[in-house]
Amino acid sequence: MNKQPLEDIAASPSARLGTLSWVGMEGIVLPLKVAGQAIAGRASAGVSLDDPTARGIHMSRLYLALAALEQQELSLPRVAAVLDAFLESHEGLAKRAFLDLEGEALLRRPALISPLSGWKTYPFTLCCRRDAQGLYAILELSVGYSSTCPCSAALARQLIQQAFEEDFTEMPVTRESVRAWLGSDQGVLATPHSQRSQAHLAVRLDADQAALPLLALVDLVERALGTALQTAVKRVDEQAFALANGQNLMFCEDAARRLHHALRDQPGLEGFSLRVVHAESLHAHDAVARSQWNWQEA
């Protein structure tokens, strides 16, 4: 059978002239390795179309270049090499290359006191661009934590004080009687309200660093806020968590300021934007605070 060459319709000139800022693919399934763990990632890959007469780009070349990231520890040098491959395979067509990678980092986190540990996921997106000025990389990351309202804690203490005064008006105040009262339902007449909260970060990375600082950022956020969400726990861990919340009261403004100062001290960051969300247990709406440093949209 005489095989005819397959026609490449994309090689024909475009009927309408014009450049395009981005052409490529979104939602590409891609196995990634983050912080030593294999995860199911997704990629959006594209290049600019700077030849106004070109019909289109070579999408298969972008797709095949992504294989260099499969099952490899995700790092900026590897991403930069893939973006270079994008541009090399589109010489004369494109001046800029783009690659967004997203997934959920899978990290094993220890309990507070006991030897137990468990797995937590941390959603992230790595948005990268390569052009004549070099590599531009933004890492977006979400970290969950617990927050206890300082206002409700103060109101709860006030109610407990009032109950104490009423109960001990005629009762003798002894060490034993106070201890028994504190251990009764009356001693915990009111409790402050807590909420599961989220810190959403977007940090601009120094392109010269080799390792992706995802784990370092997770550790920084959880250390700065002090009440990371837990996995497997024993009662001693639950008690330690209650103590941490009681000694770590914070409004969303407090959380945002803590993170702002912690991120300013983190090496390898050229700028950041952060948003904290306290999913109110008192209200049907959320309490939100934002902050940023040396930040502008790409």
Foldseek 3Di string as FASTA:
>chain_A
DDDDDDDDPQAQWDPFFDWFQWDEDWFQWAWAAEPRRIFTKTKTKIFTFPGRGGSDADHVQLVVLSVQGHPDYDWLVSVQVSQVSRCVRQPPTGFKIKMKMWGWDWDWDAFDPDRDIDIDTKTKMWIWMQGPVGIKIKIKIKFKFKAWAPVQQVVQVVQLVVLVCVVCVPPDDDPVVVVVCCPDCSVRVDDTDMFIKMKIKIFIFDSPDTHDCPVVLNVLLCVLQVGGDGDDDDVVRVVVNVVSNVVRHDDQVSSQVSSVVSVVPDPGTPKMKMKMWGCDPVDNDIDMDIDIDNDDDD
